[in-house]
Amino acid sequence: MNFKETFVKAFPENKNILLLAGGAGLTVVGLGLGYKYFLKKSEKVTRVGVVSQLLIHPLKSGKAVSVSLAECQQIGLKYGELQDRHWLVITEDGHFVTGRQEPRLVLVSLTSERGQTCLNGPDMEELRFPLLQPDNAIINCRVFGADIQGRDCGDEASDWLTRFLGVGKTFRLVHFEPHMTPRRAADKIPLFPPNEKVVYPDIAPVMLLSEASVNDLSSRLEKAVTVAQFRPSIVVSGCEAFEEDSWEDIRIGDVWLHRVMACGRCIFTTVDPETGVLTGKQPLETLKSYRKSDPAQKNIYKSAPLFGQMYIVRKTGFLQVGDVVYKISH
């Protein structure tokens, strides 16, 4: 007699218990599979556009690097050694500096390849320095009132930026390294999940904008604007203007993105990306005339007009120009 037969014969009541337990187990498995099947069946997948540009801004407020392929990580786009908003200009006391304060930053190009980081700008010599400088100091920086670290990139980079910006102040360049602690997006905007992290971006790891929305805005202005003025990560073609406002969940290749909020626009949109000069009130004033937030959301956006959408990354993977963008409806 085997163990199972001995167990059942010795305790007759266990036979019923075992049968009930087995049946309950099968029921749970069946319900689980059924629930997954129901979720899958209840999802509607709709093609809404195509990725036309992928843009990485290695230096916060600096020039974009256009790439045809990028890895979409939890903290933003990555291509080789370039990671979105992983370099930051700061003051001597550690406060972050953007194109809002120093418009000429939009003319600075930062690239990194084979362990060498390069700075370029109009009428400036190219500066090369090592990507990794472990002996340099780690600086505590302040970004929108939150503490975050950055590795100082050295005196030569500081001198280069100070001369280029030419406003009588000393600036330094820092680089975020993998072992450092990112900021919590929810500390700035409670709409974000508590565990959502960002490095030096304003608030979200990914910002998406459609070409049609940019064209719509241009049609209302004397001078057309370009995508560069709004600094998105992903640009989409093949959809109607502002259609992206309704894309709560999207899939691009293996990547899944979830929309958290719209992008409230500020004076930075009035900086000409080709000249680094504040152009006046446009296109911000025109955006305010027809892209206002819902009055119920004034506590979030204040008086900022909305242009583009901010996403968090639900599933990481690779993005490629030409990928189809699918909206997921539940």
C-alpha atoms as a PDB file:
ATOM      1  CA  MET A   1       0.000   0.000   0.000  1.00  0.00           C
ATOM      2  CA  ASN A   2       1.492   3.384  -0.974  1.00  0.00           C
ATOM      3  CA  PHE A   3       1.548   6.481   1.212  1.00  0.00           C
ATOM      4  CA  LYS A   4      -1.457   8.125  -0.450  1.00  0.00           C
ATOM      5  CA  GLU A   5      -3.646   5.011   0.029  1.00  0.00           C
ATOM      6  CA  THR A   6      -2.507   4.652   3.662  1.00  0.00           C
ATOM      7  CA  PHE A   7      -3.230   8.358   4.313  1.00  0.00           C
ATOM      8  CA  VAL A   8      -6.752   8.205   2.832  1.00  0.00           C
ATOM      9  CA  LYS A   9      -7.610   4.851   4.507  1.00  0.00           C
ATOM     10  CA  ALA A  10      -6.355   6.005   7.907  1.00  0.00           C
ATOM     11  CA  PHE A  11      -8.349   9.247   7.742  1.00  0.00           C
ATOM     12  CA  PRO A  12     -11.524   8.747   5.705  1.00  0.00           C
ATOM     13  CA  GLU A  13     -12.659  12.324   6.279  1.00  0.00           C
ATOM     14  CA  ASN A  14      -9.485  13.547   4.541  1.00  0.00           C
ATOM     15  CA  LYS A  15     -10.709  12.096   1.254  1.00  0.00           C
ATOM     16  CA  ASN A  16     -13.523  14.610   1.064  1.00  0.00           C
ATOM     17  CA  ILE A  17     -11.262  17.386   2.239  1.00  0.00           C
ATOM     18  CA  LEU A  18      -8.728  16.542  -0.443  1.00  0.00           C
ATOM     19  CA  LEU A  19     -11.390  16.439  -3.115  1.00  0.00           C
ATOM     20  CA  LEU A  20     -12.757  19.797  -1.960  1.00  0.00           C
ATOM     21  CA  ALA A  21      -9.296  21.312  -1.833  1.00  0.00           C
ATOM     22  CA  GLY A  22      -8.462  20.000  -5.307  1.00  0.00           C
ATOM     23  CA  GLY A  23     -11.714  21.361  -6.662  1.00  0.00           C
ATOM     24  CA  ALA A  24     -11.135  24.726  -5.030  1.00  0.00           C
ATOM     25  CA  GLY A  25      -7.629  24.856  -6.466  1.00  0.00           C
ATOM     26  CA  LEU A  26      -8.902  24.160  -9.958  1.00  0.00           C
ATOM     27  CA  THR A  27     -11.581  26.796  -9.475  1.00  0.00           C
ATOM     28  CA  VAL A  28      -8.986  29.405  -8.465  1.00  0.00           C
ATOM     29  CA  VAL A  29      -6.794  28.543 -11.466  1.00  0.00           C
ATOM     30  CA  GLY A  30      -9.821  28.661 -13.734  1.00  0.00           C
ATOM     31  CA  LEU A  31     -10.914  32.018 -12.361  1.00  0.00           C
ATOM     32  CA  GLY A  32      -7.398  33.386 -12.782  1.00  0.00           C
ATOM     33  CA  LEU A  33      -7.169  32.271 -16.386  1.00  0.00           C
ATOM     34  CA  GLY A  34     -10.661  33.517 -17.026  1.00  0.00           C
ATOM     35  CA  TYR A  35      -9.846  36.915 -15.527  1.00  0.00           C
ATOM     36  CA  LYS A  36      -6.754  37.243 -17.705  1.00  0.00           C
ATOM     37  CA  TYR A  37      -8.780  36.210 -20.741  1.00  0.00           C
ATOM     38  CA  PHE A  38     -11.478  38.740 -19.833  1.00  0.00           C
ATOM     39  CA  LEU A  39      -8.894  41.530 -19.447  1.00  0.00           C
ATOM     40  CA  LYS A  40      -7.360  40.665 -22.792  1.00  0.00           C
ATOM     41  CA  LYS A  41     -10.741  40.526 -24.498  1.00  0.00           C
ATOM     42  CA  SER A  42     -11.800  43.810 -22.871  1.00  0.00           C
ATOM     43  CA  GLU A  43      -8.751  45.680 -24.205  1.00  0.00           C
ATOM     44  CA  LYS A  44      -9.176  47.472 -27.499  1.00  0.00           C
ATOM     45  CA  VAL A  45      -5.971  48.147 -29.428  1.00  0.00           C
ATOM     46  CA  THR A  46      -6.139  50.983 -31.944  1.00  0.00           C
ATOM     47  CA  ARG A  47      -3.403  52.257 -34.232  1.00  0.00           C
ATOM     48  CA  VAL A  48      -3.100  56.012 -33.653  1.00  0.00           C
ATOM     49  CA  GLY A  49       0.170  57.045 -35.289  1.00  0.00           C
ATOM     50  CA  VAL A  50       3.820  56.378 -36.059  1.00  0.00           C
ATOM     51  CA  VAL A  51       6.998  57.441 -34.254  1.00  0.00           C
ATOM     52  CA  SER A  52       8.619  60.088 -36.452  1.00  0.00           C
ATOM     53  CA  GLN A  53      11.370  61.283 -34.085  1.00  0.00           C
ATOM     54  CA  LEU A  54      13.156  60.091 -30.947  1.00  0.00           C
ATOM     55  CA  LEU A  55      14.956  62.887 -29.122  1.00  0.00           C
ATOM     56  CA  ILE A  56      17.404  62.620 -26.234  1.00  0.00           C
ATOM     57  CA  HIS A  57      18.373  65.778 -24.358  1.00  0.00           C
ATOM     58  CA  PRO A  58      21.527  64.663 -22.499  1.00  0.00           C
ATOM     59  CA  LEU A  59      22.062  68.136 -20.980  1.00  0.00           C
ATOM     60  CA  LYS A  60      19.028  69.667 -19.312  1.00  0.00           C
ATOM     61  CA  SER A  61      18.037  72.656 -21.516  1.00  0.00           C
ATOM     62  CA  GLY A  62      20.744  71.758 -24.056  1.00  0.00           C
ATOM     63  CA  LYS A  63      20.377  70.689 -27.694  1.00  0.00           C
ATOM     64  CA  ALA A  64      18.574  67.459 -28.538  1.00  0.00           C
ATOM     65  CA  VAL A  65      20.291  64.445 -30.072  1.00  0.00           C
ATOM     66  CA  SER A  66      18.057  62.804 -32.665  1.00  0.00           C
ATOM     67  CA  VAL A  67      18.374  58.999 -32.746  1.00  0.00           C
ATOM     68  CA  SER A  68      16.682  56.302 -34.793  1.00  0.00           C
ATOM     69  CA  LEU A  69      16.713  53.742 -31.962  1.00  0.00           C
ATOM     70  CA  ALA A  70      16.555  54.214 -28.196  1.00  0.00           C
ATOM     71  CA  GLU A  71      16.162  52.130 -25.089  1.00  0.00           C
ATOM     72  CA  CYS A  72      13.183  53.285 -23.054  1.00  0.00           C
ATOM     73  CA  GLN A  73      14.119  52.878 -19.387  1.00  0.00           C
ATOM     74  CA  GLN A  74      12.102  53.730 -16.282  1.00  0.00           C
ATOM     75  CA  ILE A  75      13.963  57.044 -16.046  1.00  0.00           C
ATOM     76  CA  GLY A  76      13.805  57.974 -19.736  1.00  0.00           C
ATOM     77  CA  LEU A  77      15.422  57.360 -23.108  1.00  0.00           C
ATOM     78  CA  LYS A  78      18.967  56.054 -23.488  1.00  0.00           C
ATOM     79  CA  TYR A  79      21.252  55.671 -26.495  1.00  0.00           C
ATOM     80  CA  GLY A  80      24.737  54.338 -25.822  1.00  0.00           C
ATOM     81  CA  GLU A  81      26.316  56.565 -23.177  1.00  0.00           C
ATOM     82  CA  LEU A  82      23.670  59.252 -23.679  1.00  0.00           C
ATOM     83  CA  GLN A  83      20.815  59.311 -21.205  1.00  0.00           C
ATOM     84  CA  ASP A  84      18.050  61.873 -21.207  1.00  0.00           C
ATOM     85  CA  ARG A  85      18.627  64.808 -18.811  1.00  0.00           C
ATOM     86  CA  HIS A  86      21.553  63.140 -17.023  1.00  0.00           C
ATOM     87  CA  TRP A  87      23.811  66.221 -17.156  1.00  0.00           C
ATOM     88  CA  LEU A  88      22.917  69.447 -15.372  1.00  0.00           C
ATOM     89  CA  VAL A  89      24.267  72.980 -15.157  1.00  0.00           C
ATOM     90  CA  ILE A  90      24.288  74.340 -11.614  1.00  0.00           C
ATOM     91  CA  THR A  91      25.337  77.482  -9.756  1.00  0.00           C
ATOM     92  CA  GLU A  92      28.222  77.427  -7.308  1.00  0.00           C
ATOM     93  CA  ASP A  93      25.801  76.772  -4.459  1.00  0.00           C
ATOM     94  CA  GLY A  94      24.230  73.782  -6.240  1.00  0.00           C
ATOM     95  CA  HIS A  95      20.975  75.250  -7.605  1.00  0.00           C
ATOM     96  CA  PHE A  96      19.973  73.970 -11.039  1.00  0.00           C
ATOM     97  CA  VAL A  97      20.080  76.277 -14.059  1.00  0.00           C
ATOM     98  CA  THR A  98      17.843  75.935 -17.144  1.00  0.00           C
ATOM     99  CA  GLY A  99      17.020  77.866 -20.292  1.00  0.00           C
ATOM    100  CA  ARG A 100      14.456  79.805 -18.298  1.00  0.00           C
ATOM    101  CA  GLN A 101      17.284  81.630 -16.522  1.00  0.00           C
ATOM    102  CA  GLU A 102      19.997  81.265 -19.179  1.00  0.00           C
ATOM    103  CA  PRO A 103      18.414  81.019 -22.664  1.00  0.00           C
ATOM    104  CA  ARG A 104      21.771  80.443 -24.409  1.00  0.00           C
ATOM    105  CA  LEU A 105      21.911  76.969 -22.856  1.00  0.00           C
ATOM    106  CA  VAL A 106      19.713  75.758 -25.750  1.00  0.00           C
ATOM    107  CA  LEU A 107      22.734  76.242 -28.041  1.00  0.00           C
ATOM    108  CA  VAL A 108      24.976  73.889 -26.055  1.00  0.00           C
ATOM    109  CA  SER A 109      25.480  70.431 -27.508  1.00  0.00           C
ATOM    110  CA  LEU A 110      26.602  67.623 -25.208  1.00  0.00           C
ATOM    111  CA  THR A 111      27.505  64.206 -26.602  1.00  0.00           C
ATOM    112  CA  SER A 112      29.287  61.219 -25.108  1.00  0.00           C
ATOM    113  CA  GLU A 113      30.925  58.285 -26.830  1.00  0.00           C
ATOM    114  CA  ARG A 114      33.678  55.793 -25.991  1.00  0.00           C
ATOM    115  CA  GLY A 115      34.113  57.221 -22.531  1.00  0.00           C
ATOM    116  CA  GLN A 116      34.603  60.805 -23.716  1.00  0.00           C
ATOM    117  CA  THR A 117      32.055  63.581 -23.182  1.00  0.00           C
ATOM    118  CA  CYS A 118      32.077  66.583 -25.537  1.00  0.00           C
ATOM    119  CA  LEU A 119      30.736  70.119 -25.161  1.00  0.00           C
ATOM    120  CA  ASN A 120      30.150  72.282 -28.234  1.00  0.00           C
ATOM    121  CA  GLY A 121      28.644  75.716 -28.747  1.00  0.00           C
ATOM    122  CA  PRO A 122      28.743  78.642 -31.202  1.00  0.00           C
ATOM    123  CA  ASP A 123      32.147  80.396 -31.297  1.00  0.00           C
ATOM    124  CA  MET A 124      33.532  77.990 -28.705  1.00  0.00           C
ATOM    125  CA  GLU A 125      36.293  75.413 -29.015  1.00  0.00           C
ATOM    126  CA  GLU A 126      35.177  71.817 -28.476  1.00  0.00           C
ATOM    127  CA  LEU A 127      35.866  70.554 -24.980  1.00  0.00           C
ATOM    128  CA  ARG A 128      36.470  66.867 -24.308  1.00  0.00           C
ATOM    129  CA  PHE A 129      36.666  65.296 -20.864  1.00  0.00           C
ATOM    130  CA  PRO A 130      36.242  61.761 -19.437  1.00  0.00           C
ATOM    131  CA  LEU A 131      32.711  60.509 -18.891  1.00  0.00           C
ATOM    132  CA  LEU A 132      33.763  58.895 -15.620  1.00  0.00           C
ATOM    133  CA  GLN A 133      35.783  60.977 -13.173  1.00  0.00           C
ATOM    134  CA  PRO A 134      35.551  59.019  -9.905  1.00  0.00           C
ATOM    135  CA  ASP A 135      37.988  61.318  -8.067  1.00  0.00           C
ATOM    136  CA  ASN A 136      35.805  64.390  -8.645  1.00  0.00           C
ATOM    137  CA  ALA A 137      33.472  65.585  -5.925  1.00  0.00           C
ATOM    138  CA  ILE A 138      29.841  64.537  -5.663  1.00  0.00           C
ATOM    139  CA  ILE A 139      27.723  67.667  -5.320  1.00  0.00           C
ATOM    140  CA  ASN A 140      24.348  67.928  -3.625  1.00  0.00           C
ATOM    141  CA  CYS A 141      22.092  69.783  -6.075  1.00  0.00           C
ATOM    142  CA  ARG A 142      18.654  71.372  -5.757  1.00  0.00           C
ATOM    143  CA  VAL A 143      16.151  70.695  -8.547  1.00  0.00           C
ATOM    144  CA  PHE A 144      12.670  72.155  -7.996  1.00  0.00           C
ATOM    145  CA  GLY A 145      13.275  72.155  -4.255  1.00  0.00           C
ATOM    146  CA  ALA A 146      14.366  68.495  -4.151  1.00  0.00           C
ATOM    147  CA  ASP A 147      17.847  67.211  -3.293  1.00  0.00           C
ATOM    148  CA  ILE A 148      19.691  65.120  -5.859  1.00  0.00           C
ATOM    149  CA  GLN A 149      23.348  64.342  -6.396  1.00  0.00           C
ATOM    150  CA  GLY A 150      25.633  64.860  -9.373  1.00  0.00           C
ATOM    151  CA  ARG A 151      29.301  64.120 -10.056  1.00  0.00           C
ATOM    152  CA  ASP A 152      31.222  67.317 -10.807  1.00  0.00           C
ATOM    153  CA  CYS A 153      32.606  67.250 -14.364  1.00  0.00           C
ATOM    154  CA  GLY A 154      35.698  69.293 -13.546  1.00  0.00           C
ATOM    155  CA  ASP A 155      37.092  72.804 -13.699  1.00  0.00           C
ATOM    156  CA  GLU A 156      37.557  72.812 -17.481  1.00  0.00           C
ATOM    157  CA  ALA A 157      33.839  72.124 -18.047  1.00  0.00           C
ATOM    158  CA  SER A 158      32.990  74.797 -15.471  1.00  0.00           C
ATOM    159  CA  ASP A 159      35.236  77.343 -17.183  1.00  0.00           C
ATOM    160  CA  TRP A 160      33.813  76.469 -20.626  1.00  0.00           C
ATOM    161  CA  LEU A 161      30.190  76.989 -19.508  1.00  0.00           C
ATOM    162  CA  THR A 162      31.031  80.132 -17.535  1.00  0.00           C
ATOM    163  CA  ARG A 163      32.697  81.698 -20.588  1.00  0.00           C
ATOM    164  CA  PHE A 164      29.951  80.596 -22.967  1.00  0.00           C
ATOM    165  CA  LEU A 165      27.078  81.932 -20.863  1.00  0.00           C
ATOM    166  CA  GLY A 166      29.065  85.089 -20.094  1.00  0.00           C
ATOM    167  CA  VAL A 167      26.862  86.594 -17.401  1.00  0.00           C
ATOM    168  CA  GLY A 168      29.470  87.161 -14.727  1.00  0.00           C
ATOM    169  CA  LYS A 169      28.551  84.075 -12.716  1.00  0.00           C
ATOM    170  CA  THR A 170      30.408  80.794 -12.262  1.00  0.00           C
ATOM    171  CA  PHE A 171      28.614  77.654 -13.433  1.00  0.00           C
ATOM    172  CA  ARG A 172      29.463  74.004 -12.986  1.00  0.00           C
ATOM    173  CA  LEU A 173      28.417  70.859 -14.831  1.00  0.00           C
ATOM    174  CA  VAL A 174      27.369  67.680 -13.000  1.00  0.00           C
ATOM    175  CA  HIS A 175      26.565  64.174 -14.213  1.00  0.00           C
ATOM    176  CA  PHE A 176      24.102  61.741 -12.619  1.00  0.00           C
ATOM    177  CA  GLU A 177      25.600  58.280 -12.088  1.00  0.00           C
ATOM    178  CA  PRO A 178      23.716  54.957 -11.688  1.00  0.00           C
ATOM    179  CA  HIS A 179      24.547  54.544  -7.987  1.00  0.00           C
ATOM    180  CA  MET A 180      22.945  57.894  -7.117  1.00  0.00           C
ATOM    181  CA  THR A 181      19.366  58.262  -5.865  1.00  0.00           C
ATOM    182  CA  PRO A 182      16.853  59.803  -8.310  1.00  0.00           C
ATOM    183  CA  ARG A 183      14.137  62.270  -7.312  1.00  0.00           C
ATOM    184  CA  ARG A 184      10.578  61.172  -6.565  1.00  0.00           C
ATOM    185  CA  ALA A 185       8.192  62.653  -9.132  1.00  0.00           C
ATOM    186  CA  ALA A 186       5.349  62.549  -6.591  1.00  0.00           C
ATOM    187  CA  ASP A 187       7.211  65.042  -4.381  1.00  0.00           C
ATOM    188  CA  LYS A 188       6.561  67.691  -7.035  1.00  0.00           C
ATOM    189  CA  ILE A 189       3.241  66.479  -8.478  1.00  0.00           C
ATOM    190  CA  PRO A 190       1.187  64.028  -6.339  1.00  0.00           C
ATOM    191  CA  LEU A 191      -0.490  62.660  -9.499  1.00  0.00           C
ATOM    192  CA  PHE A 192       2.583  60.487 -10.044  1.00  0.00           C
ATOM    193  CA  PRO A 193       2.868  57.074  -8.340  1.00  0.00           C
ATOM    194  CA  PRO A 194       4.921  57.245  -5.107  1.00  0.00           C
ATOM    195  CA  ASN A 195       7.650  54.969  -6.479  1.00  0.00           C
ATOM    196  CA  GLU A 196       8.103  56.841  -9.782  1.00  0.00           C
ATOM    197  CA  LYS A 197      11.637  58.210 -10.162  1.00  0.00           C
ATOM    198  CA  VAL A 198      13.202  60.906 -12.346  1.00  0.00           C
ATOM    199  CA  VAL A 199      16.709  62.324 -12.598  1.00  0.00           C
ATOM    200  CA  TYR A 200      16.991  65.937 -13.850  1.00  0.00           C
ATOM    201  CA  PRO A 201      13.808  66.269 -16.016  1.00  0.00           C
ATOM    202  CA  ASP A 202      11.178  68.700 -14.753  1.00  0.00           C
ATOM    203  CA  ILE A 203       8.781  65.944 -13.733  1.00  0.00           C
ATOM    204  CA  ALA A 204       8.286  62.950 -16.082  1.00  0.00           C
ATOM    205  CA  PRO A 205      10.679  60.498 -17.759  1.00  0.00           C
ATOM    206  CA  VAL A 206       8.913  60.700 -21.159  1.00  0.00           C
ATOM    207  CA  MET A 207       7.125  63.558 -22.930  1.00  0.00           C
ATOM    208  CA  LEU A 208       5.202  62.864 -26.127  1.00  0.00           C
ATOM    209  CA  LEU A 209       4.000  65.376 -28.726  1.00  0.00           C
ATOM    210  CA  SER A 210       2.433  65.028 -32.179  1.00  0.00           C
ATOM    211  CA  GLU A 211       3.593  66.795 -35.327  1.00  0.00           C
ATOM    212  CA  ALA A 212      -0.034  67.740 -36.004  1.00  0.00           C
ATOM    213  CA  SER A 213      -0.242  69.674 -32.728  1.00  0.00           C
ATOM    214  CA  VAL A 214       2.911  71.633 -33.608  1.00  0.00           C
ATOM    215  CA  ASN A 215       1.517  72.360 -37.086  1.00  0.00           C
ATOM    216  CA  ASP A 216      -1.785  73.500 -35.586  1.00  0.00           C
ATOM    217  CA  LEU A 217       0.038  75.968 -33.353  1.00  0.00           C
ATOM    218  CA  SER A 218       2.193  77.197 -36.247  1.00  0.00           C
ATOM    219  CA  SER A 219      -0.921  77.914 -38.311  1.00  0.00           C
ATOM    220  CA  ARG A 220      -1.989  80.440 -35.647  1.00  0.00           C
ATOM    221  CA  LEU A 221       1.353  82.289 -35.529  1.00  0.00           C
ATOM    222  CA  GLU A 222       3.184  84.739 -37.770  1.00  0.00           C
ATOM    223  CA  LYS A 223       6.369  82.709 -37.384  1.00  0.00           C
ATOM    224  CA  ALA A 224       6.124  78.918 -37.395  1.00  0.00           C
ATOM    225  CA  VAL A 225       7.441  76.928 -34.446  1.00  0.00           C
ATOM    226  CA  THR A 226       9.303  73.618 -34.511  1.00  0.00           C
ATOM    227  CA  VAL A 227       9.337  70.522 -32.351  1.00  0.00           C
ATOM    228  CA  ALA A 228      12.703  71.673 -30.926  1.00  0.00           C
ATOM    229  CA  GLN A 229      10.944  74.490 -29.083  1.00  0.00           C
ATOM    230  CA  PHE A 230       9.001  72.000 -26.930  1.00  0.00           C
ATOM    231  CA  ARG A 231      11.684  69.389 -26.185  1.00  0.00           C
ATOM    232  CA  PRO A 232       9.696  66.120 -26.399  1.00  0.00           C
ATOM    233  CA  SER A 233      11.176  62.630 -26.094  1.00  0.00           C
ATOM    234  CA  ILE A 234       8.833  61.031 -28.652  1.00  0.00           C
ATOM    235  CA  VAL A 235       7.291  62.743 -31.680  1.00  0.00           C
ATOM    236  CA  VAL A 236       4.339  61.078 -33.415  1.00  0.00           C
ATOM    237  CA  SER A 237       3.001  61.600 -36.933  1.00  0.00           C
ATOM    238  CA  GLY A 238      -0.139  60.308 -38.624  1.00  0.00           C
ATOM    239  CA  CYS A 239      -2.702  61.589 -36.123  1.00  0.00           C
ATOM    240  CA  GLU A 240      -4.932  64.641 -35.708  1.00  0.00           C
ATOM    241  CA  ALA A 241      -3.838  67.688 -33.727  1.00  0.00           C
ATOM    242  CA  PHE A 242      -4.077  67.125 -29.947  1.00  0.00           C
ATOM    243  CA  GLU A 243      -5.279  63.561 -30.430  1.00  0.00           C
ATOM    244  CA  GLU A 244      -2.526  62.572 -27.998  1.00  0.00           C
ATOM    245  CA  ASP A 245      -4.544  64.242 -25.220  1.00  0.00           C
ATOM    246  CA  SER A 246      -6.720  61.117 -25.071  1.00  0.00           C
ATOM    247  CA  TRP A 247      -4.006  58.438 -25.152  1.00  0.00           C
ATOM    248  CA  GLU A 248      -4.046  57.186 -21.570  1.00  0.00           C
ATOM    249  CA  ASP A 249      -2.147  53.965 -22.291  1.00  0.00           C
ATOM    250  CA  ILE A 250      -0.062  53.360 -25.383  1.00  0.00           C
ATOM    251  CA  ARG A 251       2.152  50.600 -26.724  1.00  0.00           C
ATOM    252  CA  ILE A 252       5.104  51.160 -29.033  1.00  0.00           C
ATOM    253  CA  GLY A 253       6.920  47.942 -29.874  1.00  0.00           C
ATOM    254  CA  ASP A 254       7.539  46.227 -26.526  1.00  0.00           C
ATOM    255  CA  VAL A 255       7.241  49.486 -24.597  1.00  0.00           C
ATOM    256  CA  TRP A 256       4.112  50.344 -22.595  1.00  0.00           C
ATOM    257  CA  LEU A 257       3.544  53.929 -21.478  1.00  0.00           C
ATOM    258  CA  HIS A 258       0.920  55.383 -19.163  1.00  0.00           C
ATOM    259  CA  ARG A 259      -0.165  59.013 -19.362  1.00  0.00           C
ATOM    260  CA  VAL A 260      -0.107  60.855 -16.025  1.00  0.00           C
ATOM    261  CA  MET A 261      -0.775  64.465 -17.021  1.00  0.00           C
ATOM    262  CA  ALA A 262      -0.449  67.096 -19.728  1.00  0.00           C
ATOM    263  CA  CYS A 263       2.664  69.245 -20.026  1.00  0.00           C
ATOM    264  CA  GLY A 264       2.030  72.731 -18.666  1.00  0.00           C
ATOM    265  CA  ARG A 265       4.059  75.240 -20.669  1.00  0.00           C
ATOM    266  CA  CYS A 266       6.174  78.136 -19.398  1.00  0.00           C
ATOM    267  CA  ILE A 267       8.386  80.968 -20.624  1.00  0.00           C
ATOM    268  CA  PHE A 268      10.968  78.455 -21.884  1.00  0.00           C
ATOM    269  CA  THR A 269       8.788  77.974 -25.009  1.00  0.00           C
ATOM    270  CA  THR A 270       9.580  81.576 -25.978  1.00  0.00           C
ATOM    271  CA  VAL A 271      13.315  80.833 -26.345  1.00  0.00           C
ATOM    272  CA  ASP A 272      14.323  80.477 -30.006  1.00  0.00           C
ATOM    273  CA  PRO A 273      16.216  77.143 -30.228  1.00  0.00           C
ATOM    274  CA  GLU A 274      18.310  78.454 -33.133  1.00  0.00           C
ATOM    275  CA  THR A 275      19.479  81.712 -31.544  1.00  0.00           C
ATOM    276  CA  GLY A 276      19.140  81.185 -27.789  1.00  0.00           C
ATOM    277  CA  VAL A 277      17.219  84.452 -27.513  1.00  0.00           C
ATOM    278  CA  LEU A 278      13.898  85.097 -25.781  1.00  0.00           C
ATOM    279  CA  THR A 279      11.500  85.971 -28.596  1.00  0.00           C
ATOM    280  CA  GLY A 280       8.891  87.776 -26.497  1.00  0.00           C
ATOM    281  CA  LYS A 281       5.461  86.417 -25.714  1.00  0.00           C
ATOM    282  CA  GLN A 282       5.011  83.870 -28.503  1.00  0.00           C
ATOM    283  CA  PRO A 283       4.101  81.063 -28.794  1.00  0.00           C
ATOM    284  CA  LEU A 284       3.092  81.063 -25.105  1.00  0.00           C
ATOM    285  CA  GLU A 285       0.399  83.754 -25.451  1.00  0.00           C
ATOM    286  CA  THR A 286      -1.250  81.965 -28.385  1.00  0.00           C
ATOM    287  CA  LEU A 287      -1.204  78.670 -26.502  1.00  0.00           C
ATOM    288  CA  LYS A 288      -2.909  80.393 -23.579  1.00  0.00           C
ATOM    289  CA  SER A 289      -5.691  81.534 -25.907  1.00  0.00           C
ATOM    290  CA  TYR A 290      -6.834  78.021 -26.818  1.00  0.00           C
ATOM    291  CA  ARG A 291      -5.028  75.407 -24.737  1.00  0.00           C
ATOM    292  CA  LYS A 292      -6.182  76.277 -21.228  1.00  0.00           C
ATOM    293  CA  SER A 293      -6.603  73.593 -18.606  1.00  0.00           C
ATOM    294  CA  ASP A 294      -9.940  72.543 -17.172  1.00  0.00           C
ATOM    295  CA  PRO A 295     -10.876  74.958 -14.337  1.00  0.00           C
ATOM    296  CA  ALA A 296     -11.083  71.929 -12.024  1.00  0.00           C
ATOM    297  CA  GLN A 297      -7.340  71.338 -12.619  1.00  0.00           C
ATOM    298  CA  LYS A 298      -6.128  74.868 -11.893  1.00  0.00           C
ATOM    299  CA  ASN A 299      -4.473  73.565  -8.739  1.00  0.00           C
ATOM    300  CA  ILE A 300      -2.223  71.427 -10.954  1.00  0.00           C
ATOM    301  CA  TYR A 301      -1.525  73.607 -13.984  1.00  0.00           C
ATOM    302  CA  LYS A 302      -2.175  77.109 -12.586  1.00  0.00           C
ATOM    303  CA  SER A 303      -2.323  79.401 -15.657  1.00  0.00           C
ATOM    304  CA  ALA A 304      -0.009  77.277 -17.846  1.00  0.00           C
ATOM    305  CA  PRO A 305      -1.363  76.233 -21.250  1.00  0.00           C
ATOM    306  CA  LEU A 306      -1.174  72.513 -22.102  1.00  0.00           C
ATOM    307  CA  PHE A 307       0.925  71.195 -24.959  1.00  0.00           C
ATOM    308  CA  GLY A 308       2.192  67.595 -25.087  1.00  0.00           C
ATOM    309  CA  GLN A 309       1.629  64.720 -22.689  1.00  0.00           C
ATOM    310  CA  MET A 310       3.755  63.285 -19.887  1.00  0.00           C
ATOM    311  CA  TYR A 311       4.122  59.523 -19.515  1.00  0.00           C
ATOM    312  CA  ILE A 312       5.620  57.034 -17.117  1.00  0.00           C
ATOM    313  CA  VAL A 313       7.079  53.731 -18.320  1.00  0.00           C
ATOM    314  CA  ARG A 314       5.026  50.661 -17.425  1.00  0.00           C
ATOM    315  CA  LYS A 315       7.177  48.269 -19.489  1.00  0.00           C
ATOM    316  CA  THR A 316      10.679  49.013 -20.687  1.00  0.00           C
ATOM    317  CA  GLY A 317      12.092  48.065 -24.078  1.00  0.00           C
ATOM    318  CA  PHE A 318      13.357  49.546 -27.314  1.00  0.00           C
ATOM    319  CA  LEU A 319      11.774  52.238 -29.468  1.00  0.00           C
ATOM    320  CA  GLN A 320      12.517  52.856 -33.119  1.00  0.00           C
ATOM    321  CA  VAL A 321      11.603  55.578 -35.579  1.00  0.00           C
ATOM    322  CA  GLY A 322       8.862  54.113 -37.759  1.00  0.00           C
ATOM    323  CA  ASP A 323       7.305  52.073 -34.923  1.00  0.00           C
ATOM    324  CA  VAL A 324       3.509  52.072 -34.863  1.00  0.00           C
ATOM    325  CA  VAL A 325       1.874  53.709 -31.844  1.00  0.00           C
ATOM    326  CA  TYR A 326      -1.138  51.830 -30.464  1.00  0.00           C
ATOM    327  CA  LYS A 327      -3.683  53.219 -28.018  1.00  0.00           C
ATOM    328  CA  ILE A 328      -4.929  50.693 -25.463  1.00  0.00           C
ATOM    329  CA  SER A 329      -8.534  51.199 -24.389  1.00  0.00           C
ATOM    330  CA  HIS A 330      -9.934  49.205 -21.436  1.00  0.00           C
END
